[in-house]
Each structure stands twice: as C-alpha cells, then as structure tokens.
Amino acid sequence: MHTVVVVVLFPALVVGSIGINYGQIANNLPTPDNVVPLLKSIGATKVKLYDADPRVLRAFAGTGVEFIVGLGNEYLSKMRDPDKALTWVKTNVQAYLPATNITCITVGNEVLTFNDTALTSNLLPAMQSLHSALVALALHNQVSVTTAHSLSVLETSYPPSAGAFRRDLAGCVSAILSFHSKTGSPFLINAYPYFAYKANPKQVSLDFVLFQPNQGIVDPATGLRYDNMLLAQIDAVHSALSGLGYKKLPVHISETGWPSKGDTDEAGATPDNAKRYNGNLIKMMMMTPRKGTPMRPNTDLNIYVFALFNENMKPGPTSERNYGLFKPDGTPAYSLGLAGIDTTTVSSNNTSTTTGGTPPSSLTPPESSSTGFLSISAAPETVRYLGLIGRRLLPLMVGIFFFSS
C-alpha cells in the first residue's frame, strides 16, 4: 500500500532540546524510517521509547538523536538475573552502538505507585544488574540506568519548598537515590498538570496550568514566585530530594503533555488547551537565556513531551488516544502556534502495525508488550491498572495550588 506522510516543518531551533516520547500502541503509524524525517523537521534531538524496538533503533542509526530505551514492568524479575541482564544489554543496546545514540535505559515505569511488593522489590536489583552489565561491556560511561516515577511518590508538594517523599516509600526511594548518586544517572518524574485541572476544573486556574499570564503563587518559606504548576511540581521534587540528602541529583521530566480530545467528563481536553500547554512549554524551553525552575534557575530543564503520535489502540478514556502532537499521517493534531511552519510530503510504502516494540529475543514476552504501564486515577493515592494505557500520574497533592482564576 502506498501511503503519503505529510511532514510539518518547524524551524530546526524550535524544539532543539525538547525530548519526545515515541509510543506505538497503534495500528496506523508510519514506519520508523518515515518517522526520522518527521522528528528532524521539528528539530527534536531526544527520543524516549517504552521498549527497545529494533526497527526504530536501526532507522535512527547515524542521526545523532539521543535515545532512551525501556524495559517494561513485566521484565523486572528476569532482569535480577545478571546473565539475563547482560544478554539483554548485548542484544538491545550494544548491538546498536555507536551508530544509534542510546544514552539511557529506563527500568519499569511508575513502579513504586503500583503498590506491588514483589514488583517494588525487583526494581533496584534489576537496575543494579543492568548497570553491572554495562560496566562489564565498558558502556557505563555512555549509557545510564534509571526508572521513571509518578508524582504520587510525594507525600507533600505544597509549598514546593516542603516537598517530601511518602514515608512508606522512604526506604526504597533512598536506596534508589543512592544508586543514582553512585552511577551518575538522573531522577525521572512523570508530571501532568492536566490531571489536576481535570479533577477540579472549577478550582484549578486553567491559566496556571497552561503557562498563561496569571497571578501565580508565592512559596511562603522561600518567597519564590511560581506562575505555572509544572515548575512548582518540579521544585517540590527538588525539595524532596534535598530532604533525603540528594540536593545535587539531576531531575528530568520523563513525561508531560496535554490531550487534544477527551470524553465529556474529561474537562480541559481540547485542541486549544493542548496547543497552549505544549506550545507554551516549548517556547519556555527555547527562551534565551535558558531558565530552570525558581528553586534551580541555573539548572537545565530536560523535558520529554508526551507524545509524538495519537495512538489509536490505547484503551481507557478518549484522552488516552489523543496526547499526540501529530496524527499518524504526520500532520499536526493541532497547531502549536509557533512561527515559521510550512509543509512537505514524504512518501512511504507502508505503515506499521504494532502494539509496542519487539521484545527481547532472549525473553519470552507476556501477552502485552513491554509498553504495558500503570494508570493512576484522578483520586489521590488511588491506583488502577488499565493494561496498555501508559503512564498517568496525578499530583493532586498540589491541591493547594487550586485557586480561582
């Protein structure tokens, strides 16, 4: 079948240091070869996968794009075994280096908020085994090992200076932070101000969550002013890390985004709001000079937008299938409101049908691929498993940020 993928060309500097989450729970996406020009057109230099899809890793060989590859929660018990970890790294990382610029492995997703004792107990040993495998292959200086967390690992997030981890997670969090400190890997957090608005649209200031002009909030302990929720959330994490003695540990935002469509009970899921959130986020990231957060003004923000494409096979509410910046044909899901845009077309011979990347050849995959993740509901501290939905967190602990606009 001959398919035409329309690629929107942004100026190369528009998202030069913005990362993109490239999910593939869909049956109508372009082949990875045809995603390469799409990513180049928006100037993206960093991509985060939820697996180690060989088609994607081969397609991006020689492009210089930085890749984070992932291992799903279902593989953690296997990765405790040093031999299996070594085999996985050889097959899914070493085999593509140096042509494909793999810089990080994420082990599981939002594991600590799954409230699964066995899963939690496997997380750090799996991370350690994978790091040891990298050391054995002399790759540890170019590839780091980490895991992504939901903001619900925090017990307190307001004011940002009072951010603190949940007391029931303090032991395992401290051990993971020690690993990060020793290996030089970053702390990853998934942050979605959208969920705070969705849960309380009459109380949460829409302007505050969309980076629009607003009265903001002032942290009474530090006097620092926050004019958007995302930066307040990030600084709450900085405070939580400082409280456990890890003030200098880098924090990266592994996911953030806004859906362009939702069900009738999903307040705020509109193209206009998605445009404002992601467009303003990108503009903030490209400000000159660059700025960090109020608490860490000189620290570079590393943010991965969720997501590259709308994914039509994701279960759950309508919003789950509409986080993409792009439709499967490469056209924008909505305008980002950035100047200098025009279009061109790229021909492809076929589209890909996938529910995730090819699992490791050395492992027998479960029914779902390694793209299976948690979904955390709008209720604080409530977790519900939704199969292949993917990475939702609800920092309703920022409830104090709610104010009328």
Protein backbone atom coordinates (compact mmCIF):
# COMPACT_ATOMS: atom_id res chain seq x y z
CA MET A 1 0.00 0.00 0.00
CA HIS A 2 1.40 3.42 -0.96
CA THR A 3 0.99 5.98 1.81
CA VAL A 4 1.82 9.67 1.83
CA VAL A 5 3.01 11.01 5.14
CA VAL A 6 2.66 14.76 5.40
CA VAL A 7 5.51 16.21 7.41
CA VAL A 8 5.22 19.62 9.03
CA LEU A 9 8.49 21.52 9.00
CA PHE A 10 9.30 23.59 12.06
CA PRO A 11 12.43 25.69 12.24
CA ALA A 12 15.26 23.49 13.48
CA LEU A 13 15.63 25.53 16.67
CA VAL A 14 12.01 25.24 17.75
CA VAL A 15 12.39 22.12 19.86
CA GLY A 16 16.13 21.65 19.64
CA SER A 17 16.43 20.44 23.20
CA ILE A 18 12.98 19.03 23.77
CA GLY A 19 12.60 15.29 24.06
CA ILE A 20 9.67 13.33 22.64
CA ASN A 21 8.00 10.16 23.93
CA TYR A 22 7.56 7.81 20.98
CA GLY A 23 4.81 5.34 21.86
CA GLN A 24 3.50 2.79 19.39
CA ILE A 25 0.23 1.40 20.74
CA ALA A 26 -1.44 1.84 17.36
CA ASN A 27 -2.02 0.06 14.05
CA ASN A 28 -1.76 3.04 11.73
CA LEU A 29 1.57 4.72 12.47
CA PRO A 30 4.24 5.46 9.89
CA THR A 31 7.14 3.04 9.73
CA PRO A 32 10.14 4.11 11.81
CA ASP A 33 12.04 5.02 8.61
CA ASN A 34 9.37 7.62 7.93
CA VAL A 35 9.40 8.94 11.49
CA VAL A 36 13.03 10.02 11.06
CA PRO A 37 12.23 13.00 8.76
CA LEU A 38 9.26 13.92 10.95
CA LEU A 39 11.47 14.23 14.03
CA LYS A 40 14.14 16.06 12.05
CA SER A 41 11.51 18.51 10.83
CA ILE A 42 10.72 19.61 14.37
CA GLY A 43 14.36 19.69 15.40
CA ALA A 44 13.90 17.08 18.15
CA THR A 45 17.18 15.67 19.44
CA LYS A 46 15.98 13.27 22.13
CA VAL A 47 13.53 10.34 21.96
CA LYS A 48 12.21 8.13 24.73
CA LEU A 49 10.92 4.67 23.87
CA TYR A 50 8.96 2.27 26.07
CA ASP A 51 10.87 -0.71 24.72
CA ALA A 52 13.93 -1.30 22.56
CA ASP A 53 12.22 -1.70 19.20
CA PRO A 54 14.96 -2.81 16.75
CA ARG A 55 13.15 -1.24 13.80
CA VAL A 56 13.29 2.18 15.47
CA LEU A 57 16.88 1.81 16.65
CA ARG A 58 18.02 0.76 13.17
CA ALA A 59 16.06 3.54 11.47
CA PHE A 60 17.75 6.23 13.58
CA ALA A 61 21.29 4.95 13.11
CA GLY A 62 23.60 7.79 12.12
CA THR A 63 21.10 10.55 13.01
CA GLY A 64 22.70 11.53 16.33
CA VAL A 65 19.30 11.54 18.05
CA GLU A 66 19.67 10.55 21.71
CA PHE A 67 17.61 7.51 22.71
CA ILE A 68 16.23 6.29 25.99
CA VAL A 69 15.22 2.64 25.67
CA GLY A 70 12.91 0.95 28.13
CA LEU A 71 12.13 -2.29 29.89
CA GLY A 72 8.51 -2.84 30.93
CA ASN A 73 7.50 -3.71 34.48
CA GLU A 74 6.90 -7.32 33.45
CA TYR A 75 10.62 -7.86 32.84
CA LEU A 76 11.93 -6.70 36.22
CA SER A 77 12.04 -10.12 37.87
CA LYS A 78 14.02 -11.54 34.93
CA MET A 79 16.47 -8.65 34.98
CA ARG A 80 17.53 -9.53 38.54
CA ASP A 81 19.50 -12.35 36.92
CA PRO A 82 22.91 -10.89 35.92
CA ASP A 83 23.20 -13.26 32.95
CA LYS A 84 19.80 -12.26 31.55
CA ALA A 85 20.60 -8.58 32.11
CA LEU A 86 23.90 -8.98 30.26
CA THR A 87 22.17 -10.76 27.37
CA TRP A 88 19.51 -8.03 27.19
CA VAL A 89 22.09 -5.24 27.10
CA LYS A 90 24.13 -7.03 24.43
CA THR A 91 21.04 -7.60 22.28
CA ASN A 92 19.18 -4.33 22.77
CA VAL A 93 21.88 -1.74 23.45
CA GLN A 94 25.39 -2.81 22.50
CA ALA A 95 24.22 -4.18 19.14
CA TYR A 96 23.12 -0.69 18.03
CA LEU A 97 26.04 1.33 19.37
CA PRO A 98 27.67 3.53 18.29
CA ALA A 99 25.53 4.06 15.17
CA THR A 100 22.39 4.70 17.25
CA ASN A 101 22.99 7.09 20.13
CA ILE A 102 21.50 5.17 23.06
CA THR A 103 22.23 7.09 26.26
CA CYS A 104 19.87 5.65 28.88
CA ILE A 105 17.83 2.61 29.92
CA THR A 106 14.62 3.10 31.91
CA VAL A 107 13.74 0.13 34.08
CA GLY A 108 9.99 -0.13 34.63
CA ASN A 109 7.55 2.77 34.83
CA GLU A 110 5.97 4.24 37.96
CA VAL A 111 6.75 1.00 39.80
CA LEU A 112 6.58 2.41 43.33
CA THR A 113 2.98 3.61 42.92
CA PHE A 114 1.78 0.20 41.78
CA ASN A 115 1.72 -0.85 45.44
CA ASP A 116 3.03 -4.26 44.40
CA THR A 117 5.57 -5.51 46.94
CA ALA A 118 7.12 -8.05 44.57
CA LEU A 119 7.43 -5.53 41.75
CA THR A 120 8.96 -2.94 44.05
CA SER A 121 11.42 -5.44 45.47
CA ASN A 122 12.61 -6.30 41.95
CA LEU A 123 13.18 -2.72 40.80
CA LEU A 124 16.53 -1.80 42.32
CA PRO A 125 18.11 -5.26 41.80
CA ALA A 126 17.10 -5.08 38.13
CA MET A 127 18.64 -1.62 37.83
CA GLN A 128 21.82 -2.84 39.50
CA SER A 129 22.09 -5.90 37.24
CA LEU A 130 21.68 -3.78 34.12
CA HIS A 131 24.28 -1.28 35.33
CA SER A 132 26.68 -4.14 36.10
CA ALA A 133 26.12 -5.44 32.58
CA LEU A 134 27.00 -2.02 31.18
CA VAL A 135 30.15 -1.96 33.32
CA ALA A 136 31.13 -5.43 32.07
CA LEU A 137 30.74 -4.20 28.49
CA ALA A 138 32.54 -0.90 29.21
CA LEU A 139 29.37 1.03 28.29
CA HIS A 140 28.57 2.53 31.70
CA ASN A 141 30.13 5.89 30.87
CA GLN A 142 27.81 6.43 27.91
CA VAL A 143 24.61 4.63 28.96
CA SER A 144 22.92 5.28 32.31
CA VAL A 145 20.23 3.29 34.12
CA THR A 146 17.20 4.87 35.79
CA THR A 147 13.45 4.47 36.33
CA ALA A 148 10.50 6.85 35.92
CA HIS A 149 8.26 7.78 38.86
CA SER A 150 4.80 9.22 39.26
CA LEU A 151 4.49 12.42 41.28
CA SER A 152 2.37 10.43 43.70
CA VAL A 153 5.64 9.21 45.25
CA LEU A 154 5.44 12.57 47.06
CA GLU A 155 3.54 12.88 50.30
CA THR A 156 3.75 16.68 50.34
CA SER A 157 4.17 19.03 47.40
CA TYR A 158 2.96 22.42 48.66
CA PRO A 159 4.58 24.72 49.13
CA PRO A 160 7.31 23.47 46.77
CA SER A 161 9.90 24.04 49.50
CA ALA A 162 8.06 21.48 51.67
CA GLY A 163 8.13 18.73 49.06
CA ALA A 164 8.72 15.32 50.68
CA PHE A 165 8.53 11.68 49.67
CA ARG A 166 5.88 9.39 51.09
CA ARG A 167 7.04 7.95 54.37
CA ASP A 168 6.05 4.42 53.36
CA LEU A 169 8.36 4.70 50.34
CA ALA A 170 11.29 6.38 52.08
CA GLY A 171 13.37 3.22 52.39
CA CYS A 172 13.17 2.07 48.79
CA VAL A 173 13.41 5.64 47.46
CA SER A 174 16.57 6.28 49.47
CA ALA A 175 18.17 3.11 48.09
CA ILE A 176 17.30 4.12 44.52
CA LEU A 177 18.66 7.63 45.09
CA SER A 178 21.91 6.16 46.38
CA PHE A 179 22.14 4.15 43.15
CA HIS A 180 21.59 7.31 41.09
CA SER A 181 24.24 9.17 43.04
CA LYS A 182 26.81 6.41 42.65
CA THR A 183 26.18 5.80 38.95
CA GLY A 184 25.53 9.39 37.84
CA SER A 185 22.03 8.72 36.50
CA PRO A 186 19.11 11.19 36.70
CA PHE A 187 15.90 11.00 38.72
CA LEU A 188 12.93 10.78 36.32
CA ILE A 189 9.45 12.07 37.09
CA ASN A 190 6.22 12.00 35.06
CA ALA A 191 4.33 15.25 35.63
CA TYR A 192 0.85 16.05 34.29
CA PRO A 193 -0.75 19.32 35.43
CA TYR A 194 -3.65 18.31 33.15
CA PHE A 195 -4.89 15.81 35.74
CA ALA A 196 -5.07 18.41 38.47
CA TYR A 197 -7.26 20.56 36.22
CA LYS A 198 -9.38 17.62 35.04
CA ALA A 199 -10.16 16.61 38.62
CA ASN A 200 -11.06 20.13 39.83
CA PRO A 201 -11.81 22.40 36.85
CA LYS A 202 -13.81 24.85 38.99
CA GLN A 203 -11.00 25.32 41.47
CA VAL A 204 -7.80 24.99 39.46
CA SER A 205 -6.73 28.03 37.49
CA LEU A 206 -6.55 26.99 33.84
CA ASP A 207 -4.08 29.80 33.15
CA PHE A 208 -1.82 28.48 35.92
CA VAL A 209 -1.60 25.02 34.36
CA LEU A 210 -1.29 26.28 30.75
CA PHE A 211 1.63 28.70 31.27
CA GLN A 212 -0.70 31.63 30.58
CA PRO A 213 -0.45 35.01 32.38
CA ASN A 214 -1.86 34.63 35.91
CA GLN A 215 -1.39 35.86 39.46
CA GLY A 216 0.75 32.84 40.34
CA ILE A 217 1.61 31.64 43.83
CA VAL A 218 4.38 32.58 46.24
CA ASP A 219 6.11 29.95 48.35
CA PRO A 220 5.80 31.45 51.86
CA ALA A 221 9.01 29.78 53.04
CA THR A 222 11.28 30.93 50.20
CA GLY A 223 9.48 33.91 48.70
CA LEU A 224 9.83 32.30 45.28
CA ARG A 225 7.01 33.00 42.82
CA TYR A 226 5.55 30.32 40.56
CA ASP A 227 3.45 31.23 37.55
CA ASN A 228 2.81 27.67 36.36
CA MET A 229 2.12 24.34 38.02
CA LEU A 230 4.76 22.29 36.21
CA LEU A 231 7.70 24.23 37.62
CA ALA A 232 6.13 24.11 41.09
CA GLN A 233 5.85 20.34 40.77
CA ILE A 234 9.49 20.05 39.69
CA ASP A 235 10.68 22.14 42.62
CA ALA A 236 8.63 20.03 45.02
CA VAL A 237 10.67 17.08 43.74
CA HIS A 238 13.89 19.06 44.23
CA SER A 239 12.88 19.70 47.83
CA ALA A 240 12.03 16.05 48.41
CA LEU A 241 15.43 15.02 47.08
CA SER A 242 17.16 17.61 49.24
CA GLY A 243 15.31 16.30 52.28
CA LEU A 244 16.93 12.90 51.78
CA GLY A 245 20.38 14.40 51.20
CA TYR A 246 20.43 14.42 47.38
CA LYS A 247 20.25 18.14 46.61
CA LYS A 248 22.50 17.89 43.55
CA LEU A 249 20.77 14.92 41.89
CA PRO A 250 19.51 15.96 38.43
CA VAL A 251 15.75 15.79 37.82
CA HIS A 252 14.43 15.07 34.33
CA ILE A 253 10.76 15.23 33.30
CA SER A 254 10.26 11.93 31.52
CA GLU A 255 6.65 12.70 30.56
CA THR A 256 4.38 15.70 30.41
CA GLY A 257 1.63 16.60 27.98
CA TRP A 258 -1.98 17.56 27.38
CA PRO A 259 -4.68 15.69 25.40
CA SER A 260 -6.39 17.40 22.49
CA LYS A 261 -9.59 15.40 22.84
CA GLY A 262 -11.45 13.67 25.67
CA ASP A 263 -14.76 12.31 26.86
CA THR A 264 -17.50 14.61 28.12
CA ASP A 265 -16.28 14.19 31.70
CA GLU A 266 -12.66 14.99 30.80
CA ALA A 267 -12.57 18.71 31.40
CA GLY A 268 -9.97 20.68 29.51
CA ALA A 269 -9.10 18.05 26.88
CA THR A 270 -9.35 20.33 23.84
CA PRO A 271 -7.10 21.29 20.91
CA ASP A 272 -6.85 24.88 22.20
CA ASN A 273 -5.66 23.81 25.64
CA ALA A 274 -3.24 21.24 24.19
CA LYS A 275 -1.86 23.94 21.90
CA ARG A 276 -1.37 26.32 24.80
CA TYR A 277 0.20 23.76 27.11
CA ASN A 278 2.65 22.19 24.69
CA GLY A 279 3.24 25.34 22.66
CA ASN A 280 3.99 27.42 25.76
CA LEU A 281 6.11 24.62 27.20
CA ILE A 282 8.25 24.54 24.06
CA LYS A 283 8.53 28.32 23.99
CA MET A 284 9.64 28.30 27.63
CA MET A 285 12.26 25.68 26.85
CA MET A 286 13.64 27.72 23.97
CA MET A 287 13.90 31.02 25.83
CA THR A 288 17.24 32.78 25.60
CA PRO A 289 18.84 32.76 28.03
CA ARG A 290 17.51 29.40 29.14
CA LYS A 291 15.95 29.27 32.57
CA GLY A 292 15.41 26.48 35.03
CA THR A 293 12.94 26.50 37.90
CA PRO A 294 12.62 29.23 40.55
CA MET A 295 14.48 26.98 43.00
CA ARG A 296 17.09 25.88 40.45
CA PRO A 297 17.32 28.78 37.97
CA ASN A 298 20.67 27.68 36.55
CA THR A 299 19.77 24.03 36.08
CA ASP A 300 18.85 22.95 32.57
CA LEU A 301 15.37 21.51 32.20
CA ASN A 302 15.31 18.13 30.47
CA ILE A 303 11.73 17.51 29.40
CA TYR A 304 10.17 14.77 27.26
CA VAL A 305 6.80 15.75 25.80
CA PHE A 306 4.13 13.05 25.74
CA ALA A 307 3.67 12.11 22.96
CA LEU A 308 4.75 12.06 19.34
CA PHE A 309 1.60 10.43 17.89
CA ASN A 310 -2.02 9.87 18.77
CA GLU A 311 -2.19 6.13 19.48
CA ASN A 312 -5.48 4.60 18.38
CA MET A 313 -5.20 1.25 20.18
CA LYS A 314 -4.74 2.53 23.70
CA PRO A 315 -7.63 1.51 25.97
CA GLY A 316 -9.22 3.77 28.52
CA PRO A 317 -10.85 7.18 28.13
CA THR A 318 -10.69 9.08 24.84
CA SER A 319 -7.91 11.32 26.12
CA GLU A 320 -5.54 8.33 26.24
CA ARG A 321 -5.62 8.14 22.45
CA ASN A 322 -5.15 11.86 21.91
CA TYR A 323 -1.92 13.03 23.55
CA GLY A 324 -0.02 13.16 20.27
CA LEU A 325 1.50 16.26 18.73
CA PHE A 326 0.85 14.52 15.41
CA LYS A 327 -1.72 12.38 13.70
CA PRO A 328 -0.49 9.14 12.12
CA ASP A 329 -0.21 10.82 8.69
CA GLY A 330 2.34 13.29 10.07
CA THR A 331 0.02 16.31 10.13
CA PRO A 332 -0.29 18.25 13.42
CA ALA A 333 -3.03 17.15 15.78
CA TYR A 334 -3.35 20.91 16.39
CA SER A 335 -1.29 23.97 15.70
CA LEU A 336 1.40 24.66 18.27
CA GLY A 337 1.23 28.36 17.43
CA LEU A 338 4.91 28.53 16.52
CA ALA A 339 6.14 30.75 13.72
CA GLY A 340 7.84 29.61 10.54
CA ILE A 341 5.85 26.48 9.77
CA ASP A 342 5.29 25.05 6.29
CA THR A 343 4.64 21.58 4.96
CA THR A 344 6.08 18.99 2.67
CA THR A 345 5.29 15.36 1.97
CA VAL A 346 7.24 12.20 2.44
CA SER A 347 6.28 9.07 0.58
CA SER A 348 6.25 5.72 2.28
CA ASN A 349 5.35 2.28 1.01
CA ASN A 350 3.60 1.10 4.10
CA THR A 351 2.55 1.90 7.62
CA SER A 352 3.50 -0.08 10.66
CA THR A 353 1.13 -2.13 12.76
CA THR A 354 2.35 -2.56 16.30
CA THR A 355 1.39 -2.57 19.93
CA GLY A 356 4.92 -1.90 21.02
CA GLY A 357 8.45 -2.84 20.09
CA THR A 358 9.82 -6.29 19.51
CA PRO A 359 10.52 -7.85 22.89
CA PRO A 360 13.99 -9.05 23.79
CA SER A 361 14.89 -12.11 21.77
CA SER A 362 16.21 -13.83 24.87
CA LEU A 363 12.96 -13.47 26.80
CA THR A 364 9.51 -14.87 26.31
CA PRO A 365 7.14 -11.88 26.35
CA PRO A 366 3.80 -11.87 28.11
CA GLU A 367 0.57 -11.19 26.25
CA SER A 368 1.20 -7.46 26.38
CA SER A 369 4.39 -5.95 25.03
CA SER A 370 6.91 -4.02 27.07
CA THR A 371 4.74 -0.96 26.62
CA GLY A 372 2.37 -2.02 29.40
CA PHE A 373 2.24 0.54 32.20
CA LEU A 374 0.24 1.84 35.07
CA SER A 375 -2.52 4.34 35.13
CA ILE A 376 -3.03 6.42 38.24
CA SER A 377 -6.52 7.79 38.60
CA ALA A 378 -7.63 11.28 39.48
CA ALA A 379 -8.18 10.23 43.09
CA PRO A 380 -5.19 10.95 45.34
CA GLU A 381 -3.28 7.81 46.32
CA THR A 382 -5.59 5.68 44.19
CA VAL A 383 -4.06 3.42 41.59
CA ARG A 384 -5.96 1.47 38.98
CA TYR A 385 -4.41 -0.87 36.48
CA LEU A 386 -5.59 -0.25 32.93
CA GLY A 387 -3.48 -2.68 30.91
CA LEU A 388 -1.77 -0.99 27.99
CA ILE A 389 -2.64 2.56 28.90
CA GLY A 390 0.55 4.16 29.87
CA ARG A 391 1.95 6.41 32.39
CA ARG A 392 -0.57 8.62 34.02
CA LEU A 393 0.06 10.31 37.32
CA LEU A 394 -2.00 12.66 39.33
CA PRO A 395 -0.23 15.04 41.63
CA LEU A 396 -3.35 16.08 43.43
CA MET A 397 -1.11 16.68 46.37
CA VAL A 398 -0.68 20.01 44.63
CA GLY A 399 -4.28 20.60 45.57
CA ILE A 400 -3.21 23.67 47.44
CA PHE A 401 -2.32 25.17 44.07
CA PHE A 402 -6.00 25.25 43.26
CA PHE A 403 -7.35 28.74 43.10
CA SER A 404 -9.98 30.50 41.06
CA SER A 405 -8.82 32.43 38.06
